Amino acid sequence: TPKKLIVLDNSEFALFNISRKLKKSFPKIDIQECLLDLKDSNGLRKFFELNDIDIVYHAAAYKHVDLVEKNIQSSIKNNIIGFINVLKAASENNIKNVTLVSTDKAVSPSTSMGMTKRVCEMILLNEYKKDLSRNYSAVRFGNVFNSSGSVISIFKEQIQKGEDLTLTDPDVTRYFMSIKEAANLVIKSSTISKGGELFILDMGQ
């Protein structure tokens, strides 16, 4: 059990909601919140200087495929530059444990979203090679059932309205895991990691 959990987000509403749920579920853990944008390198550096951090889980990204495709420049700044800022701050403060939450769309990426995450994976592994004492790893998985921005919420709304379901391709196969499964697998991967791994999680059938 961690002594302290600091949740960092650039969305005031999302940060308020998640910290409220966490404090209710884990009253014995010191849970703090930090409203900060990862593109703010100075603010991020100050955050790491003021807090004694052991492990960083990086899950921040613009992930809506269509929106990212229409806003590539903003997505590069958020997904890639934001991640570079995290790695720099972690390195400067001698934080050895960093886990990047990636996506199966980073495999031979055909979308801008997948490409930004693949670039982050490559940056992470390159930084690990510079110092093998760092426990840097990445985790890839597919859709998380009913998570923020999940297609499930779109399907649910369409079904309630009696509308047809929107599919990108009639032959598409989607793999899902629950939010709890996804969180547990990310944490487990960080505990078994020796550094430099790219974990690809089995999404089942």
N, C-alpha and C. Protein backbone atom coordinates (compact mmCIF):
# COMPACT_ATOMS: atom_id res chain seq x y z
N THR A 1 0.84 -1.19 0.00
CA THR A 1 0.00 0.00 0.00
C THR A 1 0.88 1.25 0.00
N PRO A 2 0.65 2.17 -0.91
CA PRO A 2 1.46 3.38 -0.93
C PRO A 2 1.15 4.29 0.26
N LYS A 3 2.17 5.03 0.71
CA LYS A 3 1.94 6.01 1.77
C LYS A 3 1.24 7.24 1.22
N LYS A 4 1.60 7.60 0.00
CA LYS A 4 1.02 8.79 -0.62
C LYS A 4 0.77 8.54 -2.10
N LEU A 5 -0.35 9.07 -2.58
CA LEU A 5 -0.67 9.01 -4.00
C LEU A 5 -1.01 10.42 -4.46
N ILE A 6 -0.25 10.92 -5.43
CA ILE A 6 -0.50 12.26 -5.97
C ILE A 6 -1.07 12.10 -7.38
N VAL A 7 -2.26 12.62 -7.56
CA VAL A 7 -2.92 12.55 -8.86
C VAL A 7 -2.71 13.89 -9.57
N LEU A 8 -2.10 13.84 -10.73
CA LEU A 8 -1.78 15.06 -11.48
C LEU A 8 -2.61 15.07 -12.76
N ASP A 9 -3.32 16.17 -13.01
CA ASP A 9 -4.17 16.26 -14.19
C ASP A 9 -4.30 17.72 -14.60
N ASN A 10 -4.57 17.93 -15.91
CA ASN A 10 -4.79 19.30 -16.37
C ASN A 10 -6.28 19.64 -16.47
N SER A 11 -7.13 18.65 -16.14
CA SER A 11 -8.57 18.86 -16.15
C SER A 11 -9.07 19.02 -14.72
N GLU A 12 -9.55 20.22 -14.40
CA GLU A 12 -10.05 20.49 -13.05
C GLU A 12 -11.18 19.54 -12.68
N PHE A 13 -12.12 19.34 -13.60
CA PHE A 13 -13.29 18.50 -13.33
C PHE A 13 -12.89 17.05 -13.12
N ALA A 14 -12.02 16.53 -14.00
CA ALA A 14 -11.57 15.14 -13.88
C ALA A 14 -10.78 14.93 -12.60
N LEU A 15 -9.94 15.89 -12.25
CA LEU A 15 -9.12 15.79 -11.04
C LEU A 15 -9.99 15.79 -9.80
N PHE A 16 -10.99 16.65 -9.77
CA PHE A 16 -11.91 16.71 -8.63
C PHE A 16 -12.65 15.38 -8.45
N ASN A 17 -13.15 14.83 -9.56
CA ASN A 17 -13.92 13.59 -9.50
C ASN A 17 -13.08 12.40 -9.04
N ILE A 18 -11.88 12.25 -9.64
CA ILE A 18 -11.08 11.07 -9.29
C ILE A 18 -10.53 11.15 -7.87
N SER A 19 -10.14 12.35 -7.43
CA SER A 19 -9.60 12.48 -6.07
C SER A 19 -10.70 12.23 -5.04
N ARG A 20 -11.93 12.65 -5.35
CA ARG A 20 -13.05 12.41 -4.44
C ARG A 20 -13.33 10.92 -4.30
N LYS A 21 -13.31 10.21 -5.42
CA LYS A 21 -13.54 8.76 -5.39
C LYS A 21 -12.43 8.04 -4.66
N LEU A 22 -11.18 8.43 -4.91
CA LEU A 22 -10.04 7.76 -4.28
C LEU A 22 -10.04 7.97 -2.77
N LYS A 23 -10.33 9.18 -2.33
CA LYS A 23 -10.34 9.47 -0.89
C LYS A 23 -11.42 8.68 -0.17
N LYS A 24 -12.53 8.47 -0.85
CA LYS A 24 -13.62 7.69 -0.27
C LYS A 24 -13.26 6.20 -0.21
N SER A 25 -12.60 5.71 -1.25
CA SER A 25 -12.26 4.28 -1.34
C SER A 25 -11.04 3.91 -0.51
N PHE A 26 -10.10 4.87 -0.34
CA PHE A 26 -8.84 4.58 0.36
C PHE A 26 -8.56 5.66 1.42
N PRO A 27 -9.36 5.66 2.49
CA PRO A 27 -9.25 6.72 3.51
C PRO A 27 -7.92 6.73 4.26
N LYS A 28 -7.19 5.61 4.26
CA LYS A 28 -5.93 5.52 5.02
C LYS A 28 -4.72 5.99 4.21
N ILE A 29 -4.91 6.22 2.90
CA ILE A 29 -3.81 6.68 2.05
C ILE A 29 -3.87 8.19 1.92
N ASP A 30 -2.72 8.82 2.02
CA ASP A 30 -2.62 10.27 1.83
C ASP A 30 -2.74 10.55 0.33
N ILE A 31 -3.91 11.03 -0.08
CA ILE A 31 -4.17 11.29 -1.49
C ILE A 31 -4.21 12.80 -1.72
N GLN A 32 -3.35 13.25 -2.62
CA GLN A 32 -3.27 14.67 -2.93
C GLN A 32 -3.52 14.88 -4.41
N GLU A 33 -3.93 16.09 -4.76
CA GLU A 33 -4.18 16.39 -6.15
C GLU A 33 -3.36 17.59 -6.60
N CYS A 34 -2.96 17.55 -7.86
CA CYS A 34 -2.15 18.64 -8.43
C CYS A 34 -2.71 18.99 -9.80
N LEU A 35 -3.19 20.22 -9.94
CA LEU A 35 -3.74 20.70 -11.20
C LEU A 35 -2.60 21.29 -12.03
N LEU A 36 -2.14 20.53 -13.03
CA LEU A 36 -0.95 20.93 -13.77
C LEU A 36 -0.98 20.33 -15.17
N ASP A 37 -0.52 21.10 -16.14
CA ASP A 37 -0.42 20.64 -17.52
C ASP A 37 1.02 20.19 -17.77
N LEU A 38 1.18 19.01 -18.35
CA LEU A 38 2.51 18.47 -18.58
C LEU A 38 3.31 19.28 -19.59
N LYS A 39 2.64 20.11 -20.36
CA LYS A 39 3.36 20.99 -21.29
C LYS A 39 4.02 22.15 -20.57
N ASP A 40 3.67 22.35 -19.30
CA ASP A 40 4.28 23.39 -18.45
C ASP A 40 5.53 22.79 -17.80
N SER A 41 6.65 22.85 -18.51
CA SER A 41 7.87 22.19 -18.05
C SER A 41 8.37 22.77 -16.73
N ASN A 42 8.27 24.09 -16.55
CA ASN A 42 8.72 24.71 -15.30
C ASN A 42 7.86 24.29 -14.11
N GLY A 43 6.54 24.27 -14.33
CA GLY A 43 5.64 23.83 -13.27
C GLY A 43 5.85 22.38 -12.91
N LEU A 44 6.11 21.56 -13.92
CA LEU A 44 6.35 20.14 -13.70
C LEU A 44 7.65 19.91 -12.94
N ARG A 45 8.68 20.68 -13.31
CA ARG A 45 9.98 20.56 -12.62
C ARG A 45 9.83 20.94 -11.15
N LYS A 46 9.07 21.99 -10.88
CA LYS A 46 8.85 22.43 -9.50
C LYS A 46 8.08 21.37 -8.71
N PHE A 47 7.10 20.75 -9.37
CA PHE A 47 6.31 19.70 -8.73
C PHE A 47 7.21 18.56 -8.26
N PHE A 48 8.10 18.09 -9.14
CA PHE A 48 8.99 16.98 -8.78
C PHE A 48 10.00 17.39 -7.71
N GLU A 49 10.43 18.63 -7.73
CA GLU A 49 11.37 19.10 -6.71
C GLU A 49 10.73 19.14 -5.32
N LEU A 50 9.45 19.46 -5.27
CA LEU A 50 8.76 19.62 -3.98
C LEU A 50 8.20 18.32 -3.42
N ASN A 51 8.17 17.27 -4.24
CA ASN A 51 7.59 16.00 -3.79
C ASN A 51 8.60 14.86 -3.95
N ASP A 52 8.61 13.98 -2.96
CA ASP A 52 9.50 12.83 -2.97
C ASP A 52 8.79 11.68 -3.68
N ILE A 53 9.04 11.53 -4.96
CA ILE A 53 8.31 10.57 -5.79
C ILE A 53 9.14 9.30 -5.99
N ASP A 54 8.50 8.15 -5.83
CA ASP A 54 9.15 6.86 -6.08
C ASP A 54 8.81 6.29 -7.45
N ILE A 55 7.54 6.38 -7.81
CA ILE A 55 7.07 5.76 -9.06
C ILE A 55 6.20 6.75 -9.82
N VAL A 56 6.41 6.82 -11.13
CA VAL A 56 5.57 7.65 -12.00
C VAL A 56 4.82 6.74 -12.96
N TYR A 57 3.49 6.87 -12.98
CA TYR A 57 2.67 6.20 -13.98
C TYR A 57 2.16 7.28 -14.94
N HIS A 58 2.58 7.20 -16.19
CA HIS A 58 2.21 8.23 -17.16
C HIS A 58 1.08 7.72 -18.06
N ALA A 59 -0.12 8.26 -17.85
CA ALA A 59 -1.28 7.83 -18.64
C ALA A 59 -1.91 9.00 -19.39
N ALA A 60 -1.25 10.15 -19.38
CA ALA A 60 -1.82 11.35 -20.00
C ALA A 60 -1.65 11.33 -21.51
N ALA A 61 -2.75 11.53 -22.23
CA ALA A 61 -2.65 11.60 -23.70
C ALA A 61 -3.98 12.04 -24.28
N TYR A 62 -3.91 12.72 -25.42
CA TYR A 62 -5.09 12.88 -26.25
C TYR A 62 -5.22 11.57 -27.00
N LYS A 63 -6.37 10.89 -26.87
CA LYS A 63 -6.47 9.54 -27.40
C LYS A 63 -7.62 9.32 -28.38
N HIS A 64 -8.47 10.32 -28.58
CA HIS A 64 -9.55 10.17 -29.54
C HIS A 64 -8.96 10.21 -30.96
N VAL A 65 -9.03 9.09 -31.66
CA VAL A 65 -8.34 8.94 -32.94
C VAL A 65 -8.72 10.04 -33.92
N ASP A 66 -10.03 10.30 -34.08
CA ASP A 66 -10.48 11.30 -35.06
C ASP A 66 -10.05 12.71 -34.66
N LEU A 67 -10.20 13.05 -33.37
CA LEU A 67 -9.82 14.39 -32.92
C LEU A 67 -8.32 14.63 -33.04
N VAL A 68 -7.54 13.61 -32.71
CA VAL A 68 -6.08 13.73 -32.83
C VAL A 68 -5.70 13.95 -34.30
N GLU A 69 -6.39 13.23 -35.19
CA GLU A 69 -6.10 13.36 -36.63
C GLU A 69 -6.37 14.79 -37.11
N LYS A 70 -7.36 15.44 -36.51
CA LYS A 70 -7.73 16.80 -36.92
C LYS A 70 -6.93 17.87 -36.17
N ASN A 71 -6.22 17.47 -35.12
CA ASN A 71 -5.47 18.42 -34.29
C ASN A 71 -4.08 17.87 -34.00
N ILE A 72 -3.34 17.57 -35.05
CA ILE A 72 -2.07 16.87 -34.92
C ILE A 72 -1.05 17.68 -34.12
N GLN A 73 -0.95 18.97 -34.38
CA GLN A 73 0.05 19.79 -33.70
C GLN A 73 -0.19 19.81 -32.19
N SER A 74 -1.44 20.01 -31.79
CA SER A 74 -1.78 20.01 -30.36
C SER A 74 -1.50 18.65 -29.74
N SER A 75 -1.77 17.60 -30.48
CA SER A 75 -1.57 16.24 -29.97
C SER A 75 -0.10 15.91 -29.80
N ILE A 76 0.74 16.40 -30.72
CA ILE A 76 2.18 16.19 -30.59
C ILE A 76 2.69 16.90 -29.34
N LYS A 77 2.23 18.14 -29.14
CA LYS A 77 2.65 18.89 -27.95
C LYS A 77 2.21 18.19 -26.68
N ASN A 78 0.98 17.71 -26.66
CA ASN A 78 0.46 17.08 -25.44
C ASN A 78 1.05 15.70 -25.22
N ASN A 79 0.98 14.85 -26.24
CA ASN A 79 1.37 13.45 -26.08
C ASN A 79 2.88 13.25 -26.03
N ILE A 80 3.60 13.94 -26.91
CA ILE A 80 5.05 13.71 -27.00
C ILE A 80 5.84 14.69 -26.14
N ILE A 81 5.63 16.00 -26.34
CA ILE A 81 6.38 16.99 -25.57
C ILE A 81 6.06 16.88 -24.08
N GLY A 82 4.79 16.65 -23.76
CA GLY A 82 4.41 16.46 -22.36
C GLY A 82 5.14 15.28 -21.73
N PHE A 83 5.26 14.18 -22.48
CA PHE A 83 5.96 13.00 -21.97
C PHE A 83 7.46 13.26 -21.81
N ILE A 84 8.05 13.97 -22.77
CA ILE A 84 9.47 14.33 -22.68
C ILE A 84 9.70 15.16 -21.41
N ASN A 85 8.80 16.08 -21.11
CA ASN A 85 8.92 16.91 -19.90
C ASN A 85 8.89 16.05 -18.64
N VAL A 86 8.03 15.03 -18.63
CA VAL A 86 7.95 14.13 -17.48
C VAL A 86 9.26 13.37 -17.31
N LEU A 87 9.79 12.83 -18.40
CA LEU A 87 11.04 12.07 -18.33
C LEU A 87 12.20 12.95 -17.86
N LYS A 88 12.27 14.18 -18.36
CA LYS A 88 13.33 15.09 -17.95
C LYS A 88 13.25 15.38 -16.46
N ALA A 89 12.06 15.69 -15.98
CA ALA A 89 11.87 16.01 -14.56
C ALA A 89 12.18 14.79 -13.70
N ALA A 90 11.78 13.60 -14.17
CA ALA A 90 12.06 12.37 -13.42
C ALA A 90 13.57 12.13 -13.34
N SER A 91 14.25 12.31 -14.46
CA SER A 91 15.70 12.10 -14.50
C SER A 91 16.43 13.09 -13.59
N GLU A 92 16.02 14.36 -13.66
CA GLU A 92 16.67 15.40 -12.85
C GLU A 92 16.49 15.15 -11.35
N ASN A 93 15.42 14.46 -10.98
CA ASN A 93 15.14 14.19 -9.58
C ASN A 93 15.43 12.73 -9.20
N ASN A 94 16.19 12.05 -10.06
CA ASN A 94 16.67 10.69 -9.79
C ASN A 94 15.53 9.71 -9.50
N ILE A 95 14.43 9.85 -10.23
CA ILE A 95 13.31 8.91 -10.10
C ILE A 95 13.57 7.76 -11.05
N LYS A 96 13.71 6.57 -10.51
CA LYS A 96 14.13 5.42 -11.30
C LYS A 96 12.98 4.65 -11.93
N ASN A 97 11.76 4.83 -11.43
CA ASN A 97 10.64 4.00 -11.86
C ASN A 97 9.62 4.82 -12.64
N VAL A 98 9.54 4.58 -13.95
CA VAL A 98 8.57 5.25 -14.81
C VAL A 98 7.88 4.20 -15.68
N THR A 99 6.56 4.20 -15.64
CA THR A 99 5.77 3.30 -16.48
C THR A 99 4.92 4.13 -17.42
N LEU A 100 5.08 3.91 -18.71
CA LEU A 100 4.29 4.60 -19.74
C LEU A 100 3.11 3.72 -20.13
N VAL A 101 1.92 4.27 -20.04
CA VAL A 101 0.73 3.56 -20.51
C VAL A 101 0.57 3.89 -22.00
N SER A 102 0.75 2.87 -22.84
CA SER A 102 0.67 3.06 -24.28
C SER A 102 -0.58 2.38 -24.83
N THR A 103 -0.58 2.07 -26.10
CA THR A 103 -1.77 1.54 -26.77
C THR A 103 -1.40 0.53 -27.83
N ASP A 104 -2.32 -0.39 -28.12
CA ASP A 104 -2.06 -1.33 -29.20
C ASP A 104 -2.06 -0.63 -30.56
N LYS A 105 -2.55 0.62 -30.61
CA LYS A 105 -2.52 1.39 -31.86
C LYS A 105 -1.10 1.87 -32.20
N ALA A 106 -0.15 1.67 -31.26
CA ALA A 106 1.24 2.03 -31.51
C ALA A 106 1.96 0.94 -32.32
N VAL A 107 1.29 -0.18 -32.54
CA VAL A 107 1.87 -1.27 -33.34
C VAL A 107 1.69 -0.94 -34.81
N SER A 108 2.80 -0.78 -35.55
CA SER A 108 2.73 -0.37 -36.97
C SER A 108 1.66 0.70 -37.13
N PRO A 109 1.82 1.83 -36.47
CA PRO A 109 0.73 2.82 -36.37
C PRO A 109 0.27 3.37 -37.72
N SER A 110 -1.05 3.43 -37.88
CA SER A 110 -1.64 3.98 -39.10
C SER A 110 -2.39 5.27 -38.80
N THR A 111 -2.43 5.67 -37.53
CA THR A 111 -3.10 6.91 -37.12
C THR A 111 -2.10 7.81 -36.41
N SER A 112 -2.42 9.09 -36.37
CA SER A 112 -1.55 10.04 -35.68
C SER A 112 -1.49 9.74 -34.19
N MET A 113 -2.62 9.31 -33.61
CA MET A 113 -2.62 8.97 -32.19
C MET A 113 -1.66 7.82 -31.92
N GLY A 114 -1.74 6.76 -32.73
CA GLY A 114 -0.84 5.62 -32.58
C GLY A 114 0.61 6.02 -32.78
N MET A 115 0.85 6.92 -33.73
CA MET A 115 2.22 7.37 -34.00
C MET A 115 2.80 8.14 -32.83
N THR A 116 1.98 9.03 -32.20
CA THR A 116 2.50 9.79 -31.06
C THR A 116 2.86 8.86 -29.90
N LYS A 117 2.08 7.82 -29.70
CA LYS A 117 2.37 6.89 -28.60
C LYS A 117 3.58 6.02 -28.94
N ARG A 118 3.75 5.66 -30.20
CA ARG A 118 4.92 4.88 -30.59
C ARG A 118 6.19 5.71 -30.40
N VAL A 119 6.13 7.00 -30.74
CA VAL A 119 7.27 7.88 -30.52
C VAL A 119 7.61 7.92 -29.03
N CYS A 120 6.59 8.00 -28.17
CA CYS A 120 6.83 8.02 -26.72
C CYS A 120 7.51 6.73 -26.26
N GLU A 121 7.08 5.59 -26.79
CA GLU A 121 7.72 4.32 -26.45
C GLU A 121 9.19 4.34 -26.83
N MET A 122 9.47 4.83 -28.03
CA MET A 122 10.86 4.86 -28.51
C MET A 122 11.73 5.80 -27.68
N ILE A 123 11.16 6.94 -27.29
CA ILE A 123 11.89 7.88 -26.43
C ILE A 123 12.19 7.23 -25.09
N LEU A 124 11.19 6.56 -24.51
CA LEU A 124 11.36 5.89 -23.21
C LEU A 124 12.48 4.85 -23.26
N LEU A 125 12.44 3.99 -24.28
CA LEU A 125 13.43 2.91 -24.38
C LEU A 125 14.82 3.48 -24.67
N ASN A 126 14.88 4.56 -25.42
CA ASN A 126 16.16 5.21 -25.70
C ASN A 126 16.77 5.81 -24.42
N GLU A 127 15.92 6.42 -23.60
CA GLU A 127 16.39 6.99 -22.34
C GLU A 127 16.85 5.89 -21.38
N TYR A 128 16.15 4.76 -21.40
CA TYR A 128 16.54 3.62 -20.55
C TYR A 128 17.95 3.14 -20.91
N LYS A 129 18.24 3.08 -22.22
CA LYS A 129 19.55 2.60 -22.67
C LYS A 129 20.70 3.51 -22.20
N LYS A 130 20.39 4.77 -21.92
CA LYS A 130 21.41 5.70 -21.44
C LYS A 130 21.79 5.41 -19.99
N ASP A 131 20.88 4.78 -19.25
CA ASP A 131 21.13 4.46 -17.84
C ASP A 131 20.34 3.22 -17.49
N LEU A 132 21.00 2.05 -17.52
CA LEU A 132 20.31 0.78 -17.33
C LEU A 132 19.86 0.56 -15.89
N SER A 133 20.23 1.46 -14.98
CA SER A 133 19.75 1.33 -13.60
C SER A 133 18.32 1.83 -13.46
N ARG A 134 17.82 2.53 -14.49
CA ARG A 134 16.45 3.02 -14.47
C ARG A 134 15.47 1.90 -14.78
N ASN A 135 14.37 1.90 -14.08
CA ASN A 135 13.32 0.90 -14.31
C ASN A 135 12.23 1.55 -15.17
N TYR A 136 12.55 1.76 -16.44
CA TYR A 136 11.62 2.37 -17.38
C TYR A 136 10.96 1.27 -18.20
N SER A 137 9.62 1.28 -18.28
CA SER A 137 8.92 0.29 -19.10
C SER A 137 7.63 0.90 -19.65
N ALA A 138 7.09 0.23 -20.67
CA ALA A 138 5.83 0.68 -21.28
C ALA A 138 4.86 -0.49 -21.31
N VAL A 139 3.57 -0.17 -21.25
CA VAL A 139 2.51 -1.18 -21.28
C VAL A 139 1.55 -0.83 -22.40
N ARG A 140 1.29 -1.80 -23.27
CA ARG A 140 0.32 -1.61 -24.35
C ARG A 140 -0.93 -2.44 -24.08
N PHE A 141 -2.08 -1.83 -24.26
CA PHE A 141 -3.30 -2.63 -24.33
C PHE A 141 -4.35 -1.89 -25.15
N GLY A 142 -5.48 -2.56 -25.40
CA GLY A 142 -6.51 -2.00 -26.26
C GLY A 142 -7.53 -1.18 -25.50
N ASN A 143 -8.79 -1.36 -25.85
CA ASN A 143 -9.86 -0.55 -25.29
C ASN A 143 -10.18 -0.95 -23.85
N VAL A 144 -10.34 0.06 -23.01
CA VAL A 144 -10.74 -0.17 -21.62
C VAL A 144 -12.23 0.11 -21.53
N PHE A 145 -12.98 -0.92 -21.14
CA PHE A 145 -14.44 -0.87 -21.14
C PHE A 145 -14.97 0.28 -20.29
N ASN A 146 -15.73 1.17 -20.93
CA ASN A 146 -16.41 2.28 -20.25
C ASN A 146 -15.47 3.30 -19.62
N SER A 147 -14.22 3.35 -20.09
CA SER A 147 -13.31 4.38 -19.61
C SER A 147 -13.64 5.71 -20.30
N SER A 148 -12.96 6.76 -19.89
CA SER A 148 -13.19 8.07 -20.50
C SER A 148 -12.93 8.02 -22.00
N GLY A 149 -13.94 8.38 -22.78
CA GLY A 149 -13.78 8.38 -24.24
C GLY A 149 -13.98 7.03 -24.88
N SER A 150 -14.37 6.01 -24.11
CA SER A 150 -14.55 4.67 -24.65
C SER A 150 -15.69 4.65 -25.66
N VAL A 151 -15.54 3.80 -26.68
CA VAL A 151 -16.59 3.66 -27.69
C VAL A 151 -17.87 3.10 -27.08
N ILE A 152 -17.74 2.42 -25.94
CA ILE A 152 -18.91 1.83 -25.27
C ILE A 152 -19.94 2.90 -24.93
N SER A 153 -19.47 4.06 -24.44
CA SER A 153 -20.40 5.13 -24.08
C SER A 153 -21.14 5.64 -25.32
N ILE A 154 -20.45 5.64 -26.48
CA ILE A 154 -21.09 6.05 -27.73
C ILE A 154 -22.12 5.02 -28.15
N PHE A 155 -21.73 3.73 -28.09
CA PHE A 155 -22.67 2.66 -28.43
C PHE A 155 -23.91 2.71 -27.53
N LYS A 156 -23.69 2.91 -26.25
CA LYS A 156 -24.79 2.94 -25.28
C LYS A 156 -25.79 4.05 -25.62
N GLU A 157 -25.25 5.23 -25.93
CA GLU A 157 -26.11 6.37 -26.28
C GLU A 157 -26.89 6.09 -27.56
N GLN A 158 -26.22 5.47 -28.55
CA GLN A 158 -26.89 5.16 -29.81
C GLN A 158 -28.00 4.13 -29.62
N ILE A 159 -27.75 3.12 -28.78
CA ILE A 159 -28.76 2.09 -28.51
C ILE A 159 -29.96 2.71 -27.80
N GLN A 160 -29.71 3.58 -26.80
CA GLN A 160 -30.80 4.21 -26.06
C GLN A 160 -31.68 5.07 -26.96
N LYS A 161 -31.07 5.66 -28.00
CA LYS A 161 -31.81 6.51 -28.93
C LYS A 161 -32.38 5.72 -30.12
N GLY A 162 -32.13 4.41 -30.13
CA GLY A 162 -32.63 3.59 -31.23
C GLY A 162 -31.90 3.80 -32.53
N GLU A 163 -30.68 4.31 -32.44
CA GLU A 163 -29.88 4.59 -33.63
C GLU A 163 -29.02 3.39 -34.01
N ASP A 164 -28.54 3.38 -35.25
CA ASP A 164 -27.59 2.34 -35.68
C ASP A 164 -26.25 2.58 -35.00
N LEU A 165 -25.53 1.49 -34.74
CA LEU A 165 -24.19 1.62 -34.17
C LEU A 165 -23.21 2.07 -35.24
N THR A 166 -22.31 2.99 -34.87
CA THR A 166 -21.32 3.50 -35.80
C THR A 166 -20.07 2.63 -35.75
N LEU A 167 -19.74 1.99 -36.86
CA LEU A 167 -18.55 1.15 -36.94
C LEU A 167 -17.61 1.72 -38.00
N THR A 168 -16.32 1.70 -37.71
CA THR A 168 -15.33 2.20 -38.67
C THR A 168 -15.16 1.21 -39.82
N ASP A 169 -15.41 -0.09 -39.54
CA ASP A 169 -15.24 -1.13 -40.56
C ASP A 169 -16.10 -2.32 -40.15
N PRO A 170 -16.87 -2.91 -41.07
CA PRO A 170 -17.75 -4.03 -40.70
C PRO A 170 -16.99 -5.25 -40.21
N ASP A 171 -15.71 -5.36 -40.55
CA ASP A 171 -14.91 -6.53 -40.14
C ASP A 171 -14.01 -6.24 -38.95
N VAL A 172 -14.20 -5.07 -38.32
CA VAL A 172 -13.32 -4.69 -37.21
C VAL A 172 -13.52 -5.62 -36.01
N THR A 173 -12.44 -5.91 -35.31
CA THR A 173 -12.51 -6.68 -34.06
C THR A 173 -12.01 -5.78 -32.94
N ARG A 174 -12.82 -5.64 -31.90
CA ARG A 174 -12.42 -4.81 -30.77
C ARG A 174 -12.21 -5.69 -29.54
N TYR A 175 -11.15 -5.40 -28.80
CA TYR A 175 -10.84 -6.13 -27.59
C TYR A 175 -11.00 -5.19 -26.40
N PHE A 176 -11.61 -5.71 -25.34
CA PHE A 176 -11.89 -4.86 -24.18
C PHE A 176 -11.38 -5.51 -22.90
N MET A 177 -11.02 -4.66 -21.94
CA MET A 177 -10.79 -5.11 -20.57
C MET A 177 -11.43 -4.09 -19.65
N SER A 178 -11.70 -4.50 -18.42
CA SER A 178 -12.33 -3.58 -17.48
C SER A 178 -11.32 -2.57 -16.96
N ILE A 179 -11.82 -1.48 -16.40
CA ILE A 179 -10.95 -0.46 -15.82
C ILE A 179 -10.10 -1.08 -14.70
N LYS A 180 -10.71 -1.93 -13.89
CA LYS A 180 -9.98 -2.57 -12.78
C LYS A 180 -8.88 -3.47 -13.31
N GLU A 181 -9.18 -4.26 -14.35
CA GLU A 181 -8.16 -5.13 -14.95
C GLU A 181 -7.00 -4.30 -15.51
N ALA A 182 -7.34 -3.23 -16.21
CA ALA A 182 -6.31 -2.39 -16.81
C ALA A 182 -5.40 -1.79 -15.74
N ALA A 183 -5.99 -1.25 -14.68
CA ALA A 183 -5.21 -0.64 -13.61
C ALA A 183 -4.31 -1.67 -12.93
N ASN A 184 -4.87 -2.85 -12.64
CA ASN A 184 -4.09 -3.90 -11.99
C ASN A 184 -2.93 -4.36 -12.86
N LEU A 185 -3.16 -4.46 -14.17
CA LEU A 185 -2.11 -4.93 -15.07
C LEU A 185 -1.00 -3.90 -15.23
N VAL A 186 -1.35 -2.63 -15.24
CA VAL A 186 -0.32 -1.59 -15.32
C VAL A 186 0.56 -1.63 -14.08
N ILE A 187 -0.07 -1.73 -12.91
CA ILE A 187 0.69 -1.77 -11.65
C ILE A 187 1.54 -3.04 -11.58
N LYS A 188 0.95 -4.17 -11.98
CA LYS A 188 1.70 -5.44 -11.94
C LYS A 188 2.92 -5.38 -12.86
N SER A 189 2.75 -4.81 -14.04
CA SER A 189 3.87 -4.73 -14.98
C SER A 189 5.01 -3.91 -14.40
N SER A 190 4.68 -2.86 -13.65
CA SER A 190 5.73 -2.02 -13.07
C SER A 190 6.46 -2.75 -11.94
N THR A 191 5.78 -3.69 -11.28
CA THR A 191 6.42 -4.42 -10.17
C THR A 191 7.32 -5.54 -10.68
N ILE A 192 7.00 -6.11 -11.85
CA ILE A 192 7.83 -7.21 -12.37
C ILE A 192 8.88 -6.70 -13.36
N SER A 193 8.80 -5.43 -13.73
CA SER A 193 9.73 -4.88 -14.71
C SER A 193 11.15 -4.81 -14.17
N LYS A 194 12.10 -5.13 -15.04
CA LYS A 194 13.53 -4.98 -14.72
C LYS A 194 14.11 -3.76 -15.43
N GLY A 195 13.30 -3.17 -16.34
CA GLY A 195 13.74 -2.01 -17.11
C GLY A 195 13.87 -2.33 -18.58
N GLY A 196 13.34 -1.45 -19.43
CA GLY A 196 13.47 -1.60 -20.87
C GLY A 196 12.43 -2.49 -21.54
N GLU A 197 11.43 -2.93 -20.77
CA GLU A 197 10.42 -3.84 -21.36
C GLU A 197 9.30 -3.04 -22.04
N LEU A 198 8.71 -3.72 -23.02
CA LEU A 198 7.49 -3.23 -23.65
C LEU A 198 6.45 -4.32 -23.45
N PHE A 199 5.63 -4.17 -22.42
CA PHE A 199 4.65 -5.19 -22.08
C PHE A 199 3.44 -5.09 -23.00
N ILE A 200 3.05 -6.22 -23.58
CA ILE A 200 1.87 -6.27 -24.44
C ILE A 200 0.87 -7.19 -23.74
N LEU A 201 -0.21 -6.62 -23.26
CA LEU A 201 -1.15 -7.36 -22.43
C LEU A 201 -2.14 -8.16 -23.28
N ASP A 202 -2.39 -9.39 -22.86
CA ASP A 202 -3.31 -10.27 -23.56
C ASP A 202 -4.74 -9.79 -23.34
N MET A 203 -5.39 -9.35 -24.42
CA MET A 203 -6.76 -8.83 -24.32
C MET A 203 -7.81 -9.94 -24.39
N GLY A 204 -7.37 -11.19 -24.54
CA GLY A 204 -8.32 -12.30 -24.56
C GLY A 204 -9.13 -12.36 -25.84
N GLN A 205 -10.31 -12.95 -25.74
CA GLN A 205 -11.18 -13.13 -26.91
C GLN A 205 -12.36 -12.16 -26.89
